Amino acid sequence: MNDTFAVILAAGKGTRMKSKLYKVLHPVCGKPMVQHVIDSLSHLKLQETIVVVGHGAEEVKERVSTEGISYVLQEEQLGTGHAVKMAKERLQDRLGDTLILCGDTPLITTETLQSFIHFHQKEKADVTVLTTQLEDPTGYGRIVRNAAGEVNRIVEQKDANEEEKQIKEINTGVYLFSNEQLMDSLNKIQNNNSQGEYYLTDCIQILFEKGKKVLAYLTNDPDETMGVNDRVALAEAEQIMKKRINQKHMRAGVTIIDPQSTYIGTEVEIGSDTILHPGTIIMGKTQIGQECVIGPHTELRDAEVGDQSVIQHSVVMESYVGKATSVGPFAYIRPGSEIGDGCKVGDFVEVKNSKIGNGSKIPHLSYVGDAEIGQAVNMGCGSITVNYDGQKKHLTQVGDGSFVGCNVNLIAPVEIGAGSYIAAGSTITDSTPSQSFAIARERQVTKENYAERIKGKKK
């Protein structure tokens, strides 16, 4: 196989998106469009991938994985041919083939690109165009063939005559050129068209007229080659990608009750026999074990969930949930938290940057922040770790087997010894030794018949 290089055209501002965000950074299933393209190329063993950037170049470099990626700048957008010229210096002395594709085609797959490259190199073509057929090809460049079926040129919609507009085979914007022929034809393209731009497609006609071998590789899935130019197309790409991802997980043994209302990111891993209920959103590098129940209406992002755990109506962000643990409904697990095996984090509980030991329970209406809760601890209803003094966060430690009563405030920094009992309604400011009982509340005073005096004041 010849050495193969890639150029991703990602310099367009994307005015039809009507957004401050650089076009190719708009996400599809949680990942920037251009990152999907880069990821599809990453499995092809390319010699180099070059991304042509323009508007928002620094933002692209910040938000996109740059491993193995080179960038070149197109300061002024003068067409696709001009964009490829920006990479000419890096390619002109290198033998092999260059794959050219757009950064706004997030649905293109590695498998299609592999087949495309294999066809081009097997046929020893000078250039091959990836094409597809659309019932409504409006807006796309048309593939014009000669009587022998060879490609002799590509006509853009705005330059096409009425006969050419009836052609259904369209240019997908993906090409594979012999480097030698690409460099030669780039020097010859002109901008004498209605837009005053340098079209990469003119290279096709130049090579055809020179008698070079110009081929087209037809893909049967037009969805893969869809370019995203506005918010409508962005939503369509999201739906197609979502369906693709969900089907992959279902075929691997995951039950998705309602795929239409379930959103899963491209890097998510889910074990077999896990059930996802409607309204579930799973993004980032989340890993879910086997036989779990997630949802309904639950969001997980960069989370790890052990086997046989249940998370309902809750949010888990950048945290770990152990095996056979129950979270929710209506719990919020904030970043940096580690929930052990066999735990219960119940309704209206918030956990932040805390470690909860195996078998511990925080059943309801509690806040645990910046804390280390031991094993088999019971945190009663309304128990609070008071971790912030207005300037700094402080640590709360609760030893194994302790029982913290309802409506207890643990004023950090404080340590509750293992096996201790904290009386309901207490505000604990001092650490307690193991196996102790702590009570910190005012003694009750009852004034008989005093209610009549209160009622009289109200009158």
Protein backbone atom coordinates (compact mmCIF):
# COMPACT_ATOMS: atom_id res chain seq x y z
CA MET A 1 0.00 0.00 0.00
CA ASN A 2 1.22 3.49 -0.86
CA ASP A 3 1.96 6.01 1.86
CA THR A 4 -1.27 7.89 2.51
CA PHE A 5 -1.70 11.38 3.93
CA ALA A 6 -4.86 13.26 4.83
CA VAL A 7 -5.97 16.89 4.61
CA ILE A 8 -9.08 17.96 6.53
CA LEU A 9 -10.63 21.20 5.28
CA ALA A 10 -11.85 23.02 8.38
CA ALA A 11 -11.26 26.70 7.71
CA GLY A 12 -14.79 27.86 6.90
CA LYS A 13 -16.49 30.18 9.37
CA GLY A 14 -19.88 28.55 8.85
CA THR A 15 -22.04 31.67 8.62
CA ARG A 16 -25.19 29.61 8.09
CA MET A 17 -24.77 28.17 11.58
CA LYS A 18 -25.41 31.71 12.87
CA SER A 19 -23.17 31.02 15.84
CA LYS A 20 -20.18 32.46 17.65
CA LEU A 21 -18.83 28.91 17.87
CA TYR A 22 -16.46 27.87 15.09
CA LYS A 23 -18.43 25.67 12.70
CA VAL A 24 -16.51 22.39 12.98
CA LEU A 25 -16.58 22.62 16.80
CA HIS A 26 -20.35 22.22 16.99
CA PRO A 27 -20.88 18.89 18.77
CA VAL A 28 -22.58 15.78 17.46
CA CYS A 29 -23.36 13.30 20.25
CA GLY A 30 -21.08 15.20 22.60
CA LYS A 31 -18.03 15.47 20.33
CA PRO A 32 -16.98 18.27 17.94
CA MET A 33 -17.75 17.48 14.29
CA VAL A 34 -14.13 17.69 13.23
CA GLN A 35 -13.09 15.33 16.03
CA HIS A 36 -15.39 12.67 14.56
CA VAL A 37 -13.55 13.05 11.25
CA ILE A 38 -10.15 12.86 12.93
CA ASP A 39 -11.19 9.76 14.86
CA SER A 40 -12.35 8.02 11.68
CA LEU A 41 -8.93 8.67 10.15
CA SER A 42 -7.02 7.53 13.24
CA HIS A 43 -7.52 3.84 12.38
CA LEU A 44 -6.16 4.15 8.83
CA LYS A 45 -2.42 4.17 9.64
CA LEU A 46 -1.83 7.44 7.80
CA GLN A 47 1.60 9.01 7.52
CA GLU A 48 0.26 12.43 8.53
CA THR A 49 -3.06 14.22 9.02
CA ILE A 50 -3.13 17.95 8.27
CA VAL A 51 -6.03 20.15 9.39
CA VAL A 52 -6.52 23.40 7.48
CA VAL A 53 -7.92 25.99 9.89
CA GLY A 54 -8.94 29.60 9.50
CA HIS A 55 -11.52 31.33 11.70
CA GLY A 56 -11.11 30.31 15.33
CA ALA A 57 -7.89 28.37 14.71
CA GLU A 58 -6.69 28.60 18.31
CA GLU A 59 -10.03 27.44 19.64
CA VAL A 60 -9.89 24.37 17.40
CA LYS A 61 -6.44 23.49 18.70
CA GLU A 62 -7.64 23.87 22.29
CA ARG A 63 -10.78 21.75 21.95
CA VAL A 64 -9.69 19.02 19.56
CA SER A 65 -7.31 16.17 20.25
CA THR A 66 -4.05 17.16 18.56
CA GLU A 67 -2.12 13.87 18.86
CA GLY A 68 -0.61 13.10 15.46
CA ILE A 69 -2.24 16.20 13.91
CA SER A 70 -0.55 19.06 12.04
CA TYR A 71 -2.23 22.42 11.44
CA VAL A 72 -1.88 24.91 8.62
CA LEU A 73 -3.59 28.29 8.47
CA GLN A 74 -5.79 29.59 5.64
CA GLU A 75 -6.03 33.26 6.58
CA GLU A 76 -8.30 34.18 3.67
CA GLN A 77 -10.98 31.72 2.51
CA LEU A 78 -10.69 31.59 -1.28
CA GLY A 79 -12.16 28.17 -1.94
CA THR A 80 -11.35 24.50 -1.45
CA GLY A 81 -8.49 24.51 -3.93
CA HIS A 82 -6.89 27.44 -2.12
CA ALA A 83 -7.34 25.60 1.20
CA VAL A 84 -5.48 22.52 -0.05
CA LYS A 85 -2.69 24.78 -1.35
CA MET A 86 -2.07 25.77 2.28
CA ALA A 87 -0.90 22.18 2.88
CA LYS A 88 1.18 22.06 -0.28
CA GLU A 89 4.47 22.80 1.43
CA ARG A 90 4.05 19.75 3.69
CA LEU A 91 3.07 17.41 0.84
CA GLN A 92 4.85 18.45 -2.34
CA ASP A 93 8.00 16.34 -1.91
CA ARG A 94 6.28 13.26 -0.49
CA LEU A 95 5.39 10.24 -2.57
CA GLY A 96 2.04 8.54 -2.12
CA ASP A 97 -1.62 9.56 -2.03
CA THR A 98 -3.47 12.32 -0.21
CA LEU A 99 -6.98 11.88 1.12
CA ILE A 100 -8.92 15.15 1.22
CA LEU A 101 -12.15 15.53 3.17
CA CYS A 102 -14.19 18.15 5.02
CA GLY A 103 -14.30 18.79 8.74
CA ASP A 104 -18.09 19.13 8.71
CA THR A 105 -18.81 15.47 7.74
CA PRO A 106 -18.98 13.81 11.16
CA LEU A 107 -20.80 10.69 9.93
CA ILE A 108 -18.05 9.37 7.65
CA THR A 109 -16.81 5.97 8.85
CA THR A 110 -13.43 4.31 8.93
CA GLU A 111 -14.84 1.35 7.00
CA THR A 112 -15.97 3.51 4.07
CA LEU A 113 -12.64 5.33 3.94
CA GLN A 114 -10.73 2.04 4.01
CA SER A 115 -12.77 0.71 1.08
CA PHE A 116 -12.32 3.99 -0.77
CA ILE A 117 -8.53 3.95 -0.38
CA HIS A 118 -8.34 0.25 -1.31
CA PHE A 119 -10.32 0.87 -4.52
CA HIS A 120 -8.17 3.84 -5.53
CA GLN A 121 -4.88 2.06 -5.00
CA LYS A 122 -6.03 -1.23 -6.52
CA GLU A 123 -7.16 0.59 -9.69
CA LYS A 124 -3.97 2.71 -9.69
CA ALA A 125 -6.03 5.84 -10.21
CA ASP A 126 -4.59 9.32 -10.37
CA VAL A 127 -7.61 10.66 -8.52
CA THR A 128 -10.75 9.04 -7.15
CA VAL A 129 -13.87 10.90 -6.06
CA LEU A 130 -16.17 9.51 -3.37
CA THR A 131 -19.73 9.89 -4.67
CA THR A 132 -23.26 9.00 -3.67
CA GLN A 133 -26.72 9.39 -5.15
CA LEU A 134 -29.47 11.61 -3.77
CA GLU A 135 -33.10 11.91 -4.79
CA ASP A 136 -32.80 15.65 -4.20
CA PRO A 137 -29.22 16.69 -5.04
CA THR A 138 -29.90 20.43 -4.72
CA GLY A 139 -26.89 22.28 -3.36
CA TYR A 140 -24.32 19.63 -4.20
CA GLY A 141 -21.74 19.46 -6.97
CA ARG A 142 -22.80 17.06 -9.76
CA ILE A 143 -20.63 14.30 -11.19
CA VAL A 144 -20.41 14.71 -14.95
CA ARG A 145 -19.33 11.57 -16.78
CA ASN A 146 -18.46 10.98 -20.41
CA ALA A 147 -19.96 8.31 -22.68
CA ALA A 148 -17.57 5.71 -21.26
CA GLY A 149 -18.73 6.46 -17.70
CA GLU A 150 -15.48 8.14 -16.70
CA VAL A 151 -15.50 11.27 -14.53
CA ASN A 152 -14.41 14.30 -16.49
CA ARG A 153 -15.55 17.12 -14.21
CA ILE A 154 -17.59 18.17 -11.21
CA VAL A 155 -20.02 21.09 -11.58
CA GLU A 156 -21.03 23.11 -8.52
CA GLN A 157 -24.75 23.85 -8.08
CA LYS A 158 -24.33 27.58 -8.71
CA ASP A 159 -22.40 26.92 -11.94
CA ALA A 160 -24.54 24.05 -13.27
CA ASN A 161 -26.88 24.38 -16.24
CA GLU A 162 -30.40 22.92 -16.19
CA GLU A 163 -29.33 19.57 -17.65
CA GLU A 164 -26.49 19.20 -15.15
CA LYS A 165 -28.82 20.02 -12.27
CA GLN A 166 -30.85 16.88 -13.08
CA ILE A 167 -27.87 14.62 -12.30
CA LYS A 168 -28.42 12.68 -9.04
CA GLU A 169 -24.86 11.48 -8.51
CA ILE A 170 -23.17 14.04 -6.32
CA ASN A 171 -19.71 14.89 -5.10
CA THR A 172 -19.31 14.16 -1.39
CA GLY A 173 -16.24 16.37 -1.03
CA VAL A 174 -13.97 13.40 -0.35
CA TYR A 175 -11.08 12.80 -2.78
CA LEU A 176 -7.97 10.69 -3.04
CA PHE A 177 -5.20 12.13 -5.23
CA SER A 178 -1.84 10.89 -6.30
CA ASN A 179 0.40 13.48 -4.65
CA GLU A 180 2.29 14.13 -7.87
CA GLN A 181 -0.91 14.84 -9.80
CA LEU A 182 -2.40 16.87 -6.95
CA MET A 183 0.60 19.20 -6.80
CA ASP A 184 0.65 19.64 -10.58
CA SER A 185 -3.09 20.35 -10.95
CA LEU A 186 -3.21 22.76 -7.98
CA ASN A 187 -0.80 25.01 -9.86
CA LYS A 188 -3.19 25.19 -12.81
CA ILE A 189 -6.60 25.87 -11.26
CA GLN A 190 -8.16 29.32 -11.87
CA ASN A 191 -10.81 31.37 -10.11
CA ASN A 192 -12.84 32.38 -13.18
CA ASN A 193 -16.20 31.32 -11.74
CA SER A 194 -19.21 33.07 -10.23
CA GLN A 195 -17.67 33.09 -6.73
CA GLY A 196 -14.14 34.06 -7.72
CA GLU A 197 -12.83 31.03 -5.81
CA TYR A 198 -10.32 28.28 -6.50
CA TYR A 199 -12.27 25.02 -6.66
CA LEU A 200 -10.52 21.78 -5.84
CA THR A 201 -13.01 20.14 -8.19
CA ASP A 202 -11.32 21.89 -11.15
CA CYS A 203 -8.35 19.60 -10.55
CA ILE A 204 -10.56 16.73 -11.68
CA GLN A 205 -11.19 18.28 -15.08
CA ILE A 206 -7.52 19.22 -15.48
CA LEU A 207 -6.41 15.64 -14.86
CA PHE A 208 -9.11 14.23 -17.14
CA GLU A 209 -8.03 16.50 -19.98
CA LYS A 210 -4.43 15.35 -19.46
CA GLY A 211 -5.60 11.78 -19.94
CA LYS A 212 -5.07 10.80 -16.33
CA LYS A 213 -7.11 8.06 -14.69
CA VAL A 214 -10.07 9.72 -12.95
CA LEU A 215 -12.44 7.36 -11.12
CA ALA A 216 -15.44 7.58 -8.82
CA TYR A 217 -16.22 5.29 -5.90
CA LEU A 218 -19.95 5.17 -5.18
CA THR A 219 -21.05 4.68 -1.58
CA ASN A 220 -24.58 3.41 -0.99
CA ASP A 221 -25.07 5.27 2.29
CA PRO A 222 -25.59 8.98 1.58
CA ASP A 223 -25.98 9.68 5.31
CA GLU A 224 -22.26 9.10 5.85
CA THR A 225 -21.28 11.88 3.53
CA MET A 226 -23.73 14.50 4.73
CA GLY A 227 -22.16 17.90 5.26
CA VAL A 228 -23.39 19.97 8.19
CA ASN A 229 -23.92 23.57 7.09
CA ASP A 230 -26.69 24.77 9.41
CA ARG A 231 -28.54 23.87 12.61
CA VAL A 232 -31.10 21.78 10.73
CA ALA A 233 -28.38 19.54 9.29
CA LEU A 234 -26.68 19.48 12.70
CA ALA A 235 -29.84 18.04 14.27
CA GLU A 236 -30.14 15.49 11.45
CA ALA A 237 -26.54 14.40 11.97
CA GLU A 238 -27.18 14.08 15.70
CA GLN A 239 -30.14 11.77 15.08
CA ILE A 240 -28.23 9.58 12.63
CA MET A 241 -25.22 9.31 14.91
CA LYS A 242 -27.45 8.64 17.92
CA LYS A 243 -29.20 5.81 16.11
CA ARG A 244 -25.88 4.33 15.03
CA ILE A 245 -24.48 4.41 18.58
CA ASN A 246 -27.63 3.03 20.20
CA GLN A 247 -27.84 0.15 17.76
CA LYS A 248 -24.21 -0.75 18.45
CA HIS A 249 -24.92 -1.04 22.18
CA MET A 250 -28.17 -2.95 21.70
CA ARG A 251 -26.41 -5.48 19.47
CA ALA A 252 -23.81 -5.87 22.24
CA GLY A 253 -26.46 -6.87 24.79
CA VAL A 254 -27.69 -3.57 26.25
CA THR A 255 -31.45 -3.03 26.55
CA ILE A 256 -32.53 0.48 25.55
CA ILE A 257 -36.23 0.86 26.34
CA ASP A 258 -36.73 3.90 24.11
CA PRO A 259 -33.82 4.61 21.74
CA GLN A 260 -35.46 7.82 20.55
CA SER A 261 -35.09 9.43 23.98
CA THR A 262 -31.72 7.91 24.95
CA TYR A 263 -28.49 9.79 24.20
CA ILE A 264 -25.12 8.03 24.37
CA GLY A 265 -21.71 9.50 23.54
CA THR A 266 -19.27 7.86 21.17
CA GLU A 267 -16.75 6.87 23.87
CA VAL A 268 -19.21 5.34 26.33
CA GLU A 269 -18.78 1.68 27.34
CA ILE A 270 -21.76 -0.32 28.65
CA GLY A 271 -21.81 -3.92 29.91
CA SER A 272 -24.28 -6.56 28.78
CA ASP A 273 -27.72 -6.92 30.39
CA THR A 274 -27.71 -3.30 31.50
CA ILE A 275 -31.04 -1.54 30.99
CA LEU A 276 -31.33 2.09 29.96
CA HIS A 277 -34.68 3.75 30.61
CA PRO A 278 -36.09 6.75 28.69
CA GLY A 279 -34.58 10.19 29.16
CA THR A 280 -31.09 8.86 29.87
CA ILE A 281 -28.04 10.89 28.77
CA ILE A 282 -24.63 9.21 28.97
CA MET A 283 -21.63 11.20 27.76
CA GLY A 284 -17.86 11.52 27.96
CA LYS A 285 -15.75 8.50 28.86
CA THR A 286 -18.44 6.92 31.02
CA GLN A 287 -18.08 3.20 31.78
CA ILE A 288 -21.08 1.20 33.00
CA GLY A 289 -20.84 -2.38 34.21
CA GLN A 290 -23.11 -5.35 33.60
CA GLU A 291 -26.71 -5.79 34.82
CA CYS A 292 -27.14 -2.15 35.81
CA VAL A 293 -30.34 -0.12 35.60
CA ILE A 294 -29.84 3.48 34.49
CA GLY A 295 -32.70 5.96 34.36
CA PRO A 296 -35.27 7.11 33.71
CA HIS A 297 -34.18 10.74 33.32
CA THR A 298 -30.59 10.27 34.45
CA GLU A 299 -27.39 11.97 33.26
CA LEU A 300 -23.95 10.39 33.55
CA ARG A 301 -20.83 12.20 32.34
CA ASP A 302 -17.29 10.81 32.69
CA ALA A 303 -18.61 8.42 35.33
CA GLU A 304 -17.74 4.85 36.22
CA VAL A 305 -20.52 2.56 37.46
CA GLY A 306 -19.97 -0.95 38.85
CA ASP A 307 -22.00 -4.06 38.04
CA GLN A 308 -25.62 -4.37 39.22
CA SER A 309 -25.98 -0.77 40.33
CA VAL A 310 -29.17 1.27 39.94
CA ILE A 311 -29.20 5.01 39.20
CA GLN A 312 -32.59 6.69 38.78
CA HIS A 313 -33.61 10.32 38.14
CA SER A 314 -30.10 11.47 39.08
CA VAL A 315 -26.93 13.15 37.86
CA VAL A 316 -23.44 11.66 38.24
CA MET A 317 -20.48 13.76 37.06
CA GLU A 318 -16.82 12.68 36.96
CA SER A 319 -17.31 10.21 39.79
CA TYR A 320 -17.19 6.52 40.65
CA VAL A 321 -20.17 4.44 41.76
CA GLY A 322 -19.38 0.94 43.03
CA LYS A 323 -21.09 -2.41 42.55
CA ALA A 324 -24.66 -3.10 43.70
CA THR A 325 -25.14 0.49 44.77
CA SER A 326 -28.37 2.46 44.56
CA VAL A 327 -28.36 6.14 43.62
CA GLY A 328 -31.49 8.29 43.55
CA PRO A 329 -34.07 9.24 42.80
CA PHE A 330 -33.05 12.89 42.53
CA ALA A 331 -29.47 12.54 43.75
CA TYR A 332 -26.57 14.69 42.53
CA ILE A 333 -23.10 13.14 42.58
CA ARG A 334 -20.66 15.93 41.82
CA PRO A 335 -17.08 15.60 40.51
CA GLY A 336 -14.44 13.85 42.58
CA SER A 337 -16.80 11.54 44.45
CA GLU A 338 -16.27 7.84 45.07
CA ILE A 339 -19.26 5.79 46.20
CA GLY A 340 -18.38 2.28 47.39
CA ASP A 341 -20.05 -1.10 46.86
CA GLY A 342 -23.47 -1.84 48.32
CA CYS A 343 -24.18 1.78 49.19
CA LYS A 344 -27.39 3.76 49.12
CA VAL A 345 -27.45 7.42 48.11
CA GLY A 346 -31.11 8.31 48.22
CA ASP A 347 -33.51 11.06 47.26
CA PHE A 348 -32.38 14.68 47.32
CA VAL A 349 -28.85 13.83 48.41
CA GLU A 350 -25.85 15.77 47.10
CA VAL A 351 -22.35 14.32 47.31
CA LYS A 352 -19.33 16.37 46.29
CA ASN A 353 -15.63 15.44 46.27
CA SER A 354 -16.20 12.76 48.90
CA LYS A 355 -15.42 9.11 49.50
CA ILE A 356 -18.25 6.91 50.76
CA GLY A 357 -17.19 3.49 52.11
CA ASN A 358 -18.76 0.15 51.25
CA GLY A 359 -22.20 -0.49 52.69
CA SER A 360 -22.79 3.07 53.86
CA LYS A 361 -26.16 4.79 53.49
CA ILE A 362 -27.14 8.41 52.92
CA PRO A 363 -30.87 7.82 52.45
CA HIS A 364 -32.33 11.30 51.96
CA LEU A 365 -32.12 15.08 52.17
CA SER A 366 -28.40 15.31 52.97
CA TYR A 367 -25.30 17.13 51.77
CA VAL A 368 -21.91 15.43 51.99
CA GLY A 369 -19.04 17.54 50.70
CA ASP A 370 -15.26 17.19 51.11
CA ALA A 371 -15.75 14.18 53.35
CA GLU A 372 -14.45 10.69 54.02
CA ILE A 373 -17.30 8.49 55.17
CA GLY A 374 -16.23 5.04 56.37
CA GLN A 375 -17.85 1.66 55.79
CA ALA A 376 -21.31 0.74 57.09
CA VAL A 377 -22.05 4.32 58.16
CA ASN A 378 -25.61 5.65 58.39
CA MET A 379 -26.04 9.33 57.64
CA GLY A 380 -29.49 10.28 58.91
CA CYS A 381 -32.07 12.36 57.11
CA GLY A 382 -30.95 15.98 56.76
CA SER A 383 -27.38 15.37 57.93
CA ILE A 384 -24.95 17.98 56.64
CA THR A 385 -21.18 18.27 56.42
CA VAL A 386 -20.52 21.96 56.92
CA ASN A 387 -17.36 22.14 54.86
CA TYR A 388 -16.98 25.82 53.94
CA ASP A 389 -15.99 28.62 56.34
CA GLY A 390 -16.35 31.37 53.75
CA GLN A 391 -12.75 31.10 52.58
CA LYS A 392 -11.62 27.48 52.61
CA LYS A 393 -13.10 23.99 52.32
CA HIS A 394 -12.43 21.61 55.24
CA LEU A 395 -12.49 17.82 55.64
CA THR A 396 -15.08 15.82 57.55
CA GLN A 397 -14.20 12.24 58.56
CA VAL A 398 -16.72 9.71 59.84
CA GLY A 399 -15.32 6.37 61.04
CA ASP A 400 -16.58 2.89 60.12
CA GLY A 401 -19.87 1.77 61.64
CA SER A 402 -20.89 5.19 62.93
CA PHE A 403 -24.50 6.35 63.16
CA VAL A 404 -25.19 10.01 62.45
CA GLY A 405 -28.71 11.04 63.46
CA CYS A 406 -31.22 13.19 61.62
CA ASN A 407 -30.58 16.92 61.17
CA VAL A 408 -26.98 16.74 62.34
CA ASN A 409 -24.46 19.42 61.33
CA LEU A 410 -20.84 18.24 61.29
CA ILE A 411 -18.75 21.45 61.38
CA ALA A 412 -15.51 20.73 59.50
CA PRO A 413 -12.71 20.13 60.15
CA VAL A 414 -14.02 17.38 62.39
CA GLU A 415 -13.47 13.63 62.90
CA ILE A 416 -16.07 11.20 64.21
CA GLY A 417 -14.43 8.08 65.63
CA ALA A 418 -15.41 4.60 64.43
CA GLY A 419 -18.57 3.12 65.94
CA SER A 420 -19.80 6.45 67.31
CA TYR A 421 -23.37 7.70 67.69
CA ILE A 422 -24.32 11.31 67.04
CA ALA A 423 -27.65 12.36 68.48
CA ALA A 424 -30.30 13.79 66.18
CA GLY A 425 -30.38 17.57 65.93
CA SER A 426 -26.79 18.01 67.10
CA THR A 427 -24.27 20.51 65.80
CA ILE A 428 -20.87 18.88 66.25
CA THR A 429 -17.87 21.18 66.40
CA ASP A 430 -15.35 18.92 68.18
CA SER A 431 -13.97 15.56 67.13
CA THR A 432 -15.18 12.49 68.99
CA PRO A 433 -13.27 9.31 69.95
CA SER A 434 -14.31 5.84 68.77
CA GLN A 435 -17.35 4.20 70.33
CA SER A 436 -18.57 7.48 71.78
CA PHE A 437 -21.95 9.16 71.96
CA ALA A 438 -22.15 12.86 71.19
CA ILE A 439 -25.07 15.19 71.76
CA ALA A 440 -24.91 18.92 71.15
CA ARG A 441 -28.27 20.66 71.39
CA GLU A 442 -30.16 22.93 73.81
CA ARG A 443 -32.05 21.23 76.63
CA GLN A 444 -35.80 21.33 75.98
CA VAL A 445 -37.85 23.82 77.98
CA THR A 446 -41.64 23.32 78.09
CA LYS A 447 -43.89 26.11 79.37
CA GLU A 448 -47.37 24.83 80.11
CA ASN A 449 -50.40 26.90 78.97
CA TYR A 450 -48.05 29.37 77.26
CA ALA A 451 -49.77 28.87 73.92
CA GLU A 452 -52.74 30.98 75.11
CA ARG A 453 -50.45 33.97 75.64
CA ILE A 454 -49.06 33.60 72.10
CA LYS A 455 -52.55 33.44 70.65
CA GLY A 456 -53.50 36.54 72.61
CA LYS A 457 -50.60 38.52 71.16
CA LYS A 458 -51.71 37.61 67.65
CA LYS A 459 -55.15 39.11 68.30
